[in-house]
Amino acid sequence: MHDSVIVLEFNELTPRLMDQFIREGHLPNFSKLRAESTVCVSDAEEEAPALEPWIQWVTVHTGLSYAKHGVFNLSDGPKLDVPRVWDMVSEAGKDVWVCGSMNAAIHGSSIRGLVLPDPWAVSVRPHPEDLFRSYYHLVRSYVQEYTRDKPPVTKADLLRFARFMVTHGLSARTVVDTLRQLARERDGKSHWQRAAILDRLQWDLFRHFYRKTNPALATFFLNSTAHYQHYYWRNMDPHSFELKPSATDQERYADAILFGYRKMDEIVGECLKLAGPDTTIMLCSALGQQPLLKYEATGGKQLFKPVDPMALVRFTGISDKCEYAPVMAEEFYLYFKDATAAEEATRKLLALRMGDGAPVMRAESDGLRVFAACAVTAMPAADATVVLAGSNKATRFSEMFYAVEGIKSGGHHPDGILWIRTPDRTHRQVLRKVSLREVAPTLLALCGVDAQGRFSHAAMPEVTGSPSLDGGPSQAAAEPGRPDRLVRT
């Protein structure tokens, strides 16, 4: 067994794009990692009735299928009161470093190590909170409100963030990349690349604390390339779509997805240097993407967010005080003082209609909160109105909502990337698709932690070289150098 593991959680990287970009010579570090790894395709299809990363990552971290964990929305991870892999490693007396893992939670009252939640988290705080406060506030604000010209941060916030990074891993490379990015943005065409700078800052922070704490298990999550795939698949592959991108958009975004993979490839290269000779590296994407074609007849999927969330609340006639918390894309929460107020707010949000009677909002209440989003997915006419059913209230849609820049053209696919580079650096190709439920027990085995019968799925014998942890039969693995032949371990 190997007692130190780094998990690169690169959300929604797609197997066929990875293969293509490696074949074309764009990704030397991914190529090296793959050549030294057990290579699998993970399968998310069995895990849930919907493919959403905030569902599948809970499966990765707990070993539970969606049917058992039941976590359906982003930021609902803490509602599941079961241990994650980092809790189990911590319980075994080993240090952990959880850096940005999606929909994460801490089981129990303490953990042995560091936890930085994903930027969409609502009820999970960093641990220790004082350590990460200056960093987390700014990154969270930028990620949640990236569609706005000016995220809600002050100069004082920026100064505290800069001071924190200078003493917590800021690298010369990141400084240079940031200055170059700001210079490029003067042309008004390169703002979309800014997400790669946030990735660099997160990597600097991860590397700093990894070296300082030497954890047995470290996770590092990034989402930028998933975002690029969602919005620029049409530009990468215009032939697959009826609606063609404009020449201007094509000039700007044709290589946006490749840009994302290349930037992650740079981080993989630095991770290969960071990991010691006895450290296992796992690359996991949980799921992948594919062209999103179902909205072509209406001009592609357009997302909308409220211009002023509290103005939307007032227009619907919601009188109870509430707090607004953005999540991802068009989705947000409203928090109320009691469940009755939340239920009434849901009813009023659902009463909003377009002039033709189509619903404006999706909304559901859950205790003290309402989970809501604009339900409109096609650009309305310029004079389109929003009306409140049962009243005379009406307003222009454009006064209440603004369009998120870009038409969504990438959708989820159940096939994901799962590569595991153990210290022996032997290349194997696993022909069967690997269930996401196998990841958690495999991680425990690689960290040298006894699963204690927690899982219905066993650790992957292709990686651990051991029989099933629950006493079941071992599974088939590809013989080294013979990807066309399965052998038993």
Protein backbone atom coordinates (compact mmCIF):
# COMPACT_ATOMS: atom_id res chain seq x y z
CA MET A 1 0.00 0.00 0.00
CA HIS A 2 1.04 3.61 -0.58
CA ASP A 3 0.48 6.06 2.23
CA SER A 4 0.40 9.45 0.49
CA VAL A 5 -2.09 10.44 -2.21
CA ILE A 6 -2.75 13.64 -4.19
CA VAL A 7 -6.13 13.72 -5.95
CA LEU A 8 -6.36 16.16 -8.85
CA GLU A 9 -10.10 16.78 -9.12
CA PHE A 10 -10.26 18.46 -12.54
CA ASN A 11 -13.98 18.76 -13.02
CA GLU A 12 -15.53 17.32 -16.20
CA LEU A 13 -12.37 16.84 -18.25
CA THR A 14 -13.50 14.69 -21.15
CA PRO A 15 -11.76 11.44 -22.16
CA ARG A 16 -12.02 11.89 -25.93
CA LEU A 17 -10.81 15.51 -25.81
CA MET A 18 -7.93 14.50 -23.56
CA ASP A 19 -6.93 11.74 -26.00
CA GLN A 20 -7.19 14.13 -28.95
CA PHE A 21 -5.14 16.91 -27.37
CA ILE A 22 -2.45 14.47 -26.19
CA ARG A 23 -2.30 12.91 -29.64
CA GLU A 24 -1.85 16.36 -31.17
CA GLY A 25 1.05 17.09 -28.82
CA HIS A 26 -0.59 19.86 -26.79
CA LEU A 27 -0.41 18.26 -23.32
CA PRO A 28 3.05 16.87 -22.50
CA ASN A 29 2.44 16.60 -18.75
CA PHE A 30 -0.92 14.88 -19.04
CA SER A 31 0.77 12.55 -21.53
CA LYS A 32 3.51 11.70 -19.02
CA LEU A 33 0.99 11.16 -16.22
CA ARG A 34 -1.11 8.86 -18.40
CA ALA A 35 1.92 6.86 -19.51
CA GLU A 36 2.76 6.13 -15.86
CA SER A 37 -0.78 5.41 -14.64
CA THR A 38 -3.49 2.82 -14.45
CA VAL A 39 -5.90 4.38 -16.95
CA CYS A 40 -9.67 3.98 -16.58
CA VAL A 41 -12.87 5.53 -17.86
CA SER A 42 -15.18 6.24 -14.95
CA ASP A 43 -18.93 5.82 -15.32
CA ALA A 44 -21.30 8.27 -13.65
CA GLU A 45 -24.47 7.09 -15.39
CA GLU A 46 -25.57 4.66 -12.69
CA GLU A 47 -25.22 7.18 -9.90
CA ALA A 48 -28.16 9.55 -10.35
CA PRO A 49 -31.20 10.49 -12.41
CA ALA A 50 -29.33 13.61 -13.48
CA LEU A 51 -25.73 14.21 -14.43
CA GLU A 52 -24.49 17.10 -12.33
CA PRO A 53 -20.99 17.34 -10.85
CA TRP A 54 -22.27 18.29 -7.40
CA ILE A 55 -24.05 14.92 -7.34
CA GLN A 56 -21.21 12.82 -8.72
CA TRP A 57 -18.49 14.33 -6.51
CA VAL A 58 -20.47 13.34 -3.42
CA THR A 59 -20.37 9.77 -4.75
CA VAL A 60 -16.60 10.03 -5.31
CA HIS A 61 -16.02 11.26 -1.75
CA THR A 62 -18.39 8.90 0.07
CA GLY A 63 -18.53 5.74 -2.06
CA LEU A 64 -22.33 5.98 -1.97
CA SER A 65 -24.58 5.98 -5.01
CA TYR A 66 -27.06 8.82 -5.46
CA ALA A 67 -29.82 6.40 -4.45
CA LYS A 68 -28.15 6.23 -1.02
CA HIS A 69 -26.69 9.72 -0.51
CA GLY A 70 -29.60 11.67 -2.06
CA VAL A 71 -27.65 14.94 -2.46
CA PHE A 72 -29.11 16.63 -5.53
CA ASN A 73 -28.21 20.35 -5.28
CA LEU A 74 -24.94 22.20 -5.10
CA SER A 75 -24.13 23.28 -1.52
CA ASP A 76 -26.35 20.52 -0.08
CA GLY A 77 -23.38 18.27 0.68
CA PRO A 78 -23.43 19.05 4.44
CA LYS A 79 -26.97 17.69 4.68
CA LEU A 80 -25.47 14.21 4.23
CA ASP A 81 -24.18 13.24 7.66
CA VAL A 82 -21.74 10.49 6.69
CA PRO A 83 -17.94 10.48 6.64
CA ARG A 84 -16.05 11.38 3.49
CA VAL A 85 -12.72 9.82 2.57
CA TRP A 86 -10.84 12.66 4.27
CA ASP A 87 -12.81 12.09 7.48
CA MET A 88 -11.85 8.41 7.42
CA VAL A 89 -8.18 9.21 6.83
CA SER A 90 -8.32 11.78 9.62
CA GLU A 91 -9.97 9.25 11.98
CA ALA A 92 -7.03 6.94 11.26
CA GLY A 93 -4.70 9.59 12.73
CA LYS A 94 -3.38 10.94 9.41
CA ASP A 95 -3.36 14.52 8.16
CA VAL A 96 -5.51 15.69 5.24
CA TRP A 97 -5.64 18.80 3.01
CA VAL A 98 -8.97 19.32 1.23
CA CYS A 99 -8.57 22.16 -1.27
CA GLY A 100 -11.76 23.20 -3.02
CA SER A 101 -13.48 19.81 -3.34
CA MET A 102 -17.04 20.29 -4.66
CA ASN A 103 -20.07 19.91 -2.39
CA ALA A 104 -17.79 18.79 0.43
CA ALA A 105 -18.52 18.54 4.14
CA ILE A 106 -16.76 17.67 7.37
CA HIS A 107 -18.25 14.79 9.36
CA GLY A 108 -18.25 15.35 13.09
CA SER A 109 -16.86 18.28 15.01
CA SER A 110 -13.21 18.18 13.97
CA ILE A 111 -10.79 17.04 11.34
CA ARG A 112 -7.06 16.46 11.39
CA GLY A 113 -5.88 18.91 8.75
CA LEU A 114 -7.02 21.76 6.52
CA VAL A 115 -10.28 22.25 4.61
CA LEU A 116 -10.97 24.94 2.02
CA PRO A 117 -14.55 24.55 0.70
CA ASP A 118 -15.55 25.09 -2.90
CA PRO A 119 -16.51 28.71 -3.71
CA TRP A 120 -20.21 27.82 -4.03
CA ALA A 121 -20.46 26.42 -0.50
CA VAL A 122 -23.12 28.02 1.68
CA SER A 123 -22.92 26.27 5.05
CA VAL A 124 -19.36 24.86 5.10
CA ARG A 125 -16.68 27.12 6.53
CA PRO A 126 -12.94 26.83 5.98
CA HIS A 127 -10.99 24.98 8.64
CA PRO A 128 -9.35 26.70 10.37
CA GLU A 129 -11.55 29.63 9.37
CA ASP A 130 -9.21 32.38 10.55
CA LEU A 131 -6.42 31.03 8.37
CA PHE A 132 -8.36 31.16 5.10
CA ARG A 133 -10.77 34.08 5.68
CA SER A 134 -8.93 36.66 3.54
CA TYR A 135 -8.42 34.21 0.69
CA TYR A 136 -11.81 32.52 0.65
CA HIS A 137 -13.95 35.67 0.73
CA LEU A 138 -12.37 37.15 -2.38
CA VAL A 139 -12.25 33.96 -4.44
CA ARG A 140 -15.84 33.11 -3.52
CA SER A 141 -17.02 36.58 -4.55
CA TYR A 142 -15.28 36.42 -7.91
CA VAL A 143 -16.49 32.91 -8.76
CA GLN A 144 -20.12 33.39 -7.68
CA GLU A 145 -20.48 36.75 -9.41
CA TYR A 146 -18.18 36.23 -12.39
CA THR A 147 -20.97 37.32 -14.78
CA ARG A 148 -20.99 40.85 -13.34
CA ASP A 149 -18.57 43.53 -14.51
CA LYS A 150 -17.60 44.34 -10.92
CA PRO A 151 -17.74 41.53 -8.33
CA PRO A 152 -18.63 42.73 -4.81
CA VAL A 153 -15.09 43.15 -3.46
CA THR A 154 -13.39 46.25 -2.10
CA LYS A 155 -9.85 47.54 -2.38
CA ALA A 156 -9.36 46.49 1.24
CA ASP A 157 -10.43 42.94 0.30
CA LEU A 158 -7.88 42.91 -2.52
CA LEU A 159 -5.14 44.20 -0.25
CA ARG A 160 -5.83 41.56 2.43
CA PHE A 161 -5.88 38.88 -0.26
CA ALA A 162 -2.54 40.05 -1.69
CA ARG A 163 -0.91 40.10 1.74
CA PHE A 164 -2.19 36.61 2.44
CA MET A 165 -0.90 35.18 -0.84
CA VAL A 166 2.55 36.76 -0.47
CA THR A 167 3.02 34.81 2.77
CA HIS A 168 1.21 31.66 1.64
CA GLY A 169 2.81 30.43 -1.53
CA LEU A 170 2.43 33.11 -4.21
CA SER A 171 4.85 32.15 -6.98
CA ALA A 172 6.75 34.34 -9.41
CA ARG A 173 5.09 32.46 -12.25
CA THR A 174 1.63 33.39 -11.01
CA VAL A 175 2.64 37.04 -10.65
CA VAL A 176 3.95 37.09 -14.22
CA ASP A 177 0.87 35.29 -15.57
CA THR A 178 -1.40 37.73 -13.74
CA LEU A 179 0.36 40.79 -15.14
CA ARG A 180 0.25 39.35 -18.64
CA GLN A 181 -3.46 38.59 -18.25
CA LEU A 182 -4.25 42.12 -17.12
CA ALA A 183 -2.30 43.47 -20.08
CA ARG A 184 -4.21 41.24 -22.50
CA GLU A 185 -7.54 42.37 -21.08
CA ARG A 186 -6.96 45.88 -22.38
CA ASP A 187 -8.16 44.68 -25.79
CA GLY A 188 -11.55 43.82 -24.30
CA LYS A 189 -11.35 40.27 -25.68
CA SER A 190 -9.47 38.23 -23.09
CA HIS A 191 -11.38 38.66 -19.84
CA TRP A 192 -12.65 35.07 -20.13
CA GLN A 193 -9.10 33.80 -19.54
CA ARG A 194 -9.03 35.25 -16.03
CA ALA A 195 -10.29 31.96 -14.56
CA ALA A 196 -6.86 30.47 -15.26
CA ILE A 197 -5.32 33.03 -12.87
CA LEU A 198 -7.64 31.92 -10.08
CA ASP A 199 -6.49 28.36 -10.81
CA ARG A 200 -2.86 29.43 -10.46
CA LEU A 201 -3.54 31.17 -7.14
CA GLN A 202 -5.36 28.12 -5.82
CA TRP A 203 -2.48 25.89 -6.92
CA ASP A 204 0.08 28.13 -5.20
CA LEU A 205 -1.95 27.91 -2.00
CA PHE A 206 -2.36 24.15 -2.30
CA ARG A 207 1.36 23.61 -2.92
CA HIS A 208 2.33 25.84 0.02
CA PHE A 209 0.27 23.91 2.55
CA TYR A 210 1.06 20.55 0.99
CA ARG A 211 4.76 21.15 1.57
CA LYS A 212 4.09 22.51 5.05
CA THR A 213 1.81 19.73 6.32
CA ASN A 214 2.82 16.67 4.24
CA PRO A 215 -0.71 15.19 4.35
CA ALA A 216 -1.57 11.56 3.74
CA LEU A 217 -4.48 12.64 1.53
CA ALA A 218 -4.70 15.90 -0.40
CA THR A 219 -7.45 16.88 -2.84
CA PHE A 220 -7.21 19.76 -5.31
CA PHE A 221 -10.30 20.83 -7.27
CA LEU A 222 -10.51 23.05 -10.38
CA ASN A 223 -13.55 23.94 -12.50
CA SER A 224 -12.34 26.42 -15.13
CA THR A 225 -12.04 24.01 -18.05
CA ALA A 226 -15.50 22.58 -17.32
CA HIS A 227 -16.78 26.15 -17.67
CA TYR A 228 -14.94 26.62 -20.97
CA GLN A 229 -16.41 23.38 -22.30
CA HIS A 230 -19.93 24.45 -21.34
CA TYR A 231 -19.70 27.79 -23.14
CA TYR A 232 -17.23 27.28 -25.99
CA TRP A 233 -17.90 23.77 -27.32
CA ARG A 234 -19.70 25.39 -30.24
CA ASN A 235 -16.52 27.32 -31.08
CA MET A 236 -14.30 24.25 -30.79
CA ASP A 237 -16.61 22.12 -32.94
CA PRO A 238 -18.96 24.35 -34.98
CA HIS A 239 -19.80 21.53 -37.42
CA SER A 240 -21.80 19.71 -34.72
CA PHE A 241 -24.22 22.64 -34.27
CA GLU A 242 -26.95 24.13 -36.43
CA LEU A 243 -26.39 27.56 -34.93
CA LYS A 244 -22.92 28.66 -36.05
CA PRO A 245 -20.77 31.07 -34.04
CA SER A 246 -20.06 34.49 -35.46
CA ALA A 247 -16.68 35.22 -37.03
CA THR A 248 -15.88 37.51 -34.09
CA ASP A 249 -16.72 34.87 -31.50
CA GLN A 250 -14.84 32.24 -33.47
CA GLU A 251 -11.70 34.37 -33.55
CA ARG A 252 -11.93 34.88 -29.80
CA TYR A 253 -13.05 31.47 -28.53
CA ALA A 254 -12.09 28.78 -31.07
CA ASP A 255 -9.20 27.58 -28.87
CA ALA A 256 -10.75 28.39 -25.49
CA ILE A 257 -11.21 24.75 -24.47
CA LEU A 258 -7.69 23.83 -25.56
CA PHE A 259 -6.48 26.86 -23.58
CA GLY A 260 -8.11 25.39 -20.47
CA TYR A 261 -6.54 21.96 -20.95
CA ARG A 262 -3.12 23.53 -21.56
CA LYS A 263 -3.32 25.58 -18.36
CA MET A 264 -4.25 22.48 -16.39
CA ASP A 265 -1.41 20.62 -18.09
CA GLU A 266 1.01 23.18 -16.62
CA ILE A 267 -0.33 22.46 -13.14
CA VAL A 268 -0.01 18.70 -13.73
CA GLY A 269 3.66 19.25 -14.56
CA GLU A 270 4.19 21.07 -11.29
CA CYS A 271 2.28 18.36 -9.41
CA LEU A 272 4.58 15.70 -10.83
CA LYS A 273 7.49 17.66 -9.35
CA LEU A 274 5.71 18.24 -6.04
CA ALA A 275 4.86 14.59 -5.43
CA GLY A 276 7.59 12.57 -3.78
CA PRO A 277 8.71 9.19 -5.12
CA ASP A 278 6.34 7.36 -2.75
CA THR A 279 3.28 9.53 -3.51
CA THR A 280 0.34 8.34 -5.59
CA ILE A 281 -1.33 10.85 -7.94
CA MET A 282 -4.95 10.31 -8.93
CA LEU A 283 -6.58 12.34 -11.72
CA CYS A 284 -10.38 12.22 -11.49
CA SER A 285 -12.92 14.23 -13.49
CA ALA A 286 -16.11 12.53 -12.12
CA LEU A 287 -17.86 12.98 -15.49
CA GLY A 288 -17.20 14.50 -18.91
CA GLN A 289 -18.99 16.61 -21.50
CA GLN A 290 -20.44 16.41 -25.00
CA PRO A 291 -22.17 18.80 -27.45
CA LEU A 292 -25.41 20.21 -26.03
CA LEU A 293 -27.81 20.08 -28.98
CA LYS A 294 -31.33 19.96 -27.49
CA TYR A 295 -31.69 23.77 -27.50
CA GLU A 296 -30.55 24.43 -31.08
CA ALA A 297 -34.09 25.03 -32.35
CA THR A 298 -34.47 27.98 -29.95
CA GLY A 299 -31.03 29.49 -30.57
CA GLY A 300 -29.03 27.58 -27.94
CA LYS A 301 -29.35 27.57 -24.16
CA GLN A 302 -29.16 31.07 -22.72
CA LEU A 303 -28.96 31.58 -18.94
CA PHE A 304 -30.34 34.60 -17.07
CA LYS A 305 -29.60 36.03 -13.62
CA PRO A 306 -31.50 38.70 -11.66
CA VAL A 307 -30.18 42.23 -12.20
CA ASP A 308 -31.01 43.05 -8.59
CA PRO A 309 -32.07 40.02 -6.51
CA MET A 310 -33.83 42.15 -3.89
CA ALA A 311 -35.75 44.04 -6.59
CA LEU A 312 -36.96 40.65 -7.86
CA VAL A 313 -38.03 39.73 -4.33
CA ARG A 314 -39.94 43.00 -3.92
CA PHE A 315 -41.64 42.65 -7.32
CA THR A 316 -43.00 39.22 -6.41
CA GLY A 317 -44.56 40.65 -3.26
CA ILE A 318 -42.35 38.78 -0.81
CA SER A 319 -42.55 40.85 2.37
CA ASP A 320 -40.48 38.72 4.75
CA LYS A 321 -36.83 39.65 5.12
CA CYS A 322 -34.42 37.30 3.40
CA GLU A 323 -30.78 36.90 2.45
CA TYR A 324 -29.62 36.20 -1.10
CA ALA A 325 -26.79 33.74 -1.82
CA PRO A 326 -25.75 33.03 -5.43
CA VAL A 327 -24.68 29.49 -6.28
CA MET A 328 -23.65 28.51 -9.81
CA ALA A 329 -24.79 29.90 -13.18
CA GLU A 330 -28.43 31.05 -12.85
CA GLU A 331 -29.16 29.40 -9.48
CA PHE A 332 -29.39 31.06 -6.06
CA TYR A 333 -30.74 30.64 -2.53
CA LEU A 334 -33.04 32.90 -0.51
CA TYR A 335 -32.83 32.40 3.27
CA PHE A 336 -35.79 33.23 5.53
CA LYS A 337 -36.41 33.29 9.27
CA ASP A 338 -38.94 30.44 9.17
CA ALA A 339 -40.19 27.67 6.90
CA THR A 340 -43.60 29.26 6.41
CA ALA A 341 -42.00 32.37 4.91
CA ALA A 342 -39.86 30.21 2.63
CA GLU A 343 -42.90 28.28 1.39
CA GLU A 344 -44.83 31.50 0.73
CA ALA A 345 -41.85 32.98 -1.15
CA THR A 346 -41.66 29.85 -3.32
CA ARG A 347 -45.33 30.18 -4.22
CA LYS A 348 -44.87 33.83 -5.20
CA LEU A 349 -41.76 33.18 -7.28
CA LEU A 350 -43.58 30.44 -9.18
CA ALA A 351 -46.41 32.91 -9.89
CA LEU A 352 -44.15 34.96 -12.18
CA ARG A 353 -45.08 34.47 -15.82
CA MET A 354 -43.93 35.72 -19.18
CA GLY A 355 -46.50 37.58 -21.24
CA ASP A 356 -47.34 34.32 -23.05
CA GLY A 357 -47.95 32.49 -19.78
CA ALA A 358 -44.64 30.59 -19.64
CA PRO A 359 -43.08 30.29 -16.16
CA VAL A 360 -40.25 32.69 -15.33
CA MET A 361 -38.82 30.88 -12.30
CA ARG A 362 -37.93 27.48 -10.93
CA ALA A 363 -38.22 27.40 -7.13
CA GLU A 364 -38.53 24.93 -4.27
CA SER A 365 -38.43 25.42 -0.53
CA ASP A 366 -36.36 23.39 1.90
CA GLY A 367 -36.77 24.41 5.51
CA LEU A 368 -35.68 28.02 5.92
CA ARG A 369 -34.41 28.43 2.37
CA VAL A 370 -35.64 28.63 -1.20
CA PHE A 371 -33.58 27.24 -4.07
CA ALA A 372 -34.45 29.20 -7.21
CA ALA A 373 -33.37 30.06 -10.75
CA CYS A 374 -34.67 31.76 -13.85
CA ALA A 375 -36.42 29.12 -15.96
CA VAL A 376 -36.12 31.04 -19.25
CA THR A 377 -33.56 29.45 -21.62
CA ALA A 378 -34.09 31.43 -24.85
CA MET A 379 -33.59 35.14 -25.44
CA PRO A 380 -37.01 36.85 -25.17
CA ALA A 381 -38.11 39.67 -27.42
CA ALA A 382 -36.78 43.08 -26.45
CA ASP A 383 -40.21 44.17 -25.22
CA ALA A 384 -41.03 40.91 -23.40
CA THR A 385 -42.76 41.41 -20.07
CA VAL A 386 -42.90 39.61 -16.75
CA VAL A 387 -46.25 39.57 -14.97
CA LEU A 388 -47.24 38.46 -11.49
CA ALA A 389 -50.16 36.05 -11.85
CA GLY A 390 -53.28 37.21 -10.03
CA SER A 391 -52.22 40.86 -9.97
CA ASN A 392 -51.78 43.86 -12.27
CA LYS A 393 -48.02 44.01 -11.71
CA ALA A 394 -45.85 43.84 -14.84
CA THR A 395 -42.34 44.87 -15.87
CA ARG A 396 -39.95 44.34 -18.75
CA PHE A 397 -38.00 41.09 -18.55
CA SER A 398 -34.80 43.00 -19.39
CA GLU A 399 -35.27 45.21 -16.32
CA MET A 400 -35.48 42.18 -14.05
CA PHE A 401 -32.93 39.78 -15.62
CA TYR A 402 -29.71 39.99 -17.61
CA ALA A 403 -28.28 37.39 -19.97
CA VAL A 404 -25.14 35.55 -18.86
CA GLU A 405 -22.51 36.13 -21.53
CA GLY A 406 -22.28 33.19 -23.93
CA ILE A 407 -24.66 30.50 -25.17
CA LYS A 408 -24.26 27.18 -23.37
CA SER A 409 -23.16 24.51 -25.86
CA GLY A 410 -21.52 21.79 -23.76
CA GLY A 411 -23.56 19.28 -21.75
CA HIS A 412 -22.66 16.51 -19.32
CA HIS A 413 -21.63 12.99 -20.31
CA PRO A 414 -21.30 10.04 -17.88
CA ASP A 415 -17.79 9.05 -19.03
CA GLY A 416 -15.03 10.62 -16.97
CA ILE A 417 -11.27 10.36 -16.59
CA LEU A 418 -9.73 8.24 -13.83
CA TRP A 419 -5.94 7.81 -13.89
CA ILE A 420 -3.95 6.50 -10.93
CA ARG A 421 -0.16 6.83 -10.88
CA THR A 422 1.28 4.72 -8.06
CA PRO A 423 4.96 4.85 -7.11
CA ASP A 424 5.77 1.91 -9.39
CA ARG A 425 4.62 4.08 -12.34
CA THR A 426 3.37 1.10 -14.30
CA HIS A 427 1.01 1.77 -17.19
CA ARG A 428 -2.14 -0.33 -17.33
CA GLN A 429 -5.29 0.11 -19.37
CA VAL A 430 -8.49 -1.02 -17.66
CA LEU A 431 -11.07 -2.06 -20.22
CA ARG A 432 -14.15 -2.13 -18.01
CA LYS A 433 -15.77 1.13 -17.00
CA VAL A 434 -15.14 1.90 -13.35
CA SER A 435 -18.00 2.95 -11.12
CA LEU A 436 -17.48 6.20 -9.23
CA ARG A 437 -18.40 4.23 -6.10
CA GLU A 438 -15.05 2.44 -6.38
CA VAL A 439 -13.01 5.63 -5.98
CA ALA A 440 -13.48 6.14 -2.22
CA PRO A 441 -12.46 2.62 -1.13
CA THR A 442 -9.53 2.78 -3.53
CA LEU A 443 -8.34 6.03 -2.00
CA LEU A 444 -8.55 4.57 1.49
CA ALA A 445 -6.55 1.54 0.43
CA LEU A 446 -3.89 3.73 -1.18
CA CYS A 447 -3.69 5.80 2.02
CA GLY A 448 -3.22 2.63 4.06
CA VAL A 449 -6.53 3.04 5.90
CA ASP A 450 -8.80 0.08 6.70
CA ALA A 451 -12.25 0.61 5.16
CA GLN A 452 -13.82 -1.35 8.06
CA GLY A 453 -16.65 -2.63 5.90
CA ARG A 454 -17.98 0.86 5.11
CA PHE A 455 -18.46 0.25 1.38
CA SER A 456 -20.55 -2.05 -0.77
CA HIS A 457 -17.97 -1.57 -3.53
CA ALA A 458 -14.41 -2.80 -3.07
CA ALA A 459 -11.17 -1.00 -3.79
CA MET A 460 -9.96 -1.47 -7.33
CA PRO A 461 -7.58 -4.45 -7.36
CA GLU A 462 -6.18 -3.09 -10.63
CA VAL A 463 -4.56 -0.39 -8.49
CA THR A 464 -4.18 -1.84 -5.00
CA GLY A 465 -3.17 -5.36 -5.98
CA SER A 466 -5.41 -6.69 -3.21
CA PRO A 467 -8.67 -8.63 -3.12
CA SER A 468 -11.95 -6.86 -2.44
CA LEU A 469 -12.01 -5.13 0.93
CA ASP A 470 -15.53 -6.40 1.62
CA GLY A 471 -14.56 -9.99 0.92
CA GLY A 472 -16.18 -10.12 -2.52
CA PRO A 473 -14.50 -11.33 -5.69
CA SER A 474 -11.62 -9.41 -7.17
CA GLN A 475 -12.27 -7.62 -10.40
CA ALA A 476 -10.61 -7.83 -13.79
CA ALA A 477 -7.65 -5.64 -14.60
CA ALA A 478 -5.70 -5.07 -17.76
CA GLU A 479 -2.36 -6.81 -17.92
CA PRO A 480 0.53 -4.31 -18.14
CA GLY A 481 1.37 -3.73 -21.77
CA ARG A 482 -1.67 -5.76 -22.92
CA PRO A 483 -4.70 -3.44 -22.95
CA ASP A 484 -6.57 -5.99 -25.07
CA ARG A 485 -6.43 -8.70 -22.42
CA LEU A 486 -8.00 -8.88 -18.98
CA VAL A 487 -6.31 -10.83 -16.21
CA ARG A 488 -7.22 -11.51 -12.60
CA THR A 489 -5.16 -10.02 -9.82
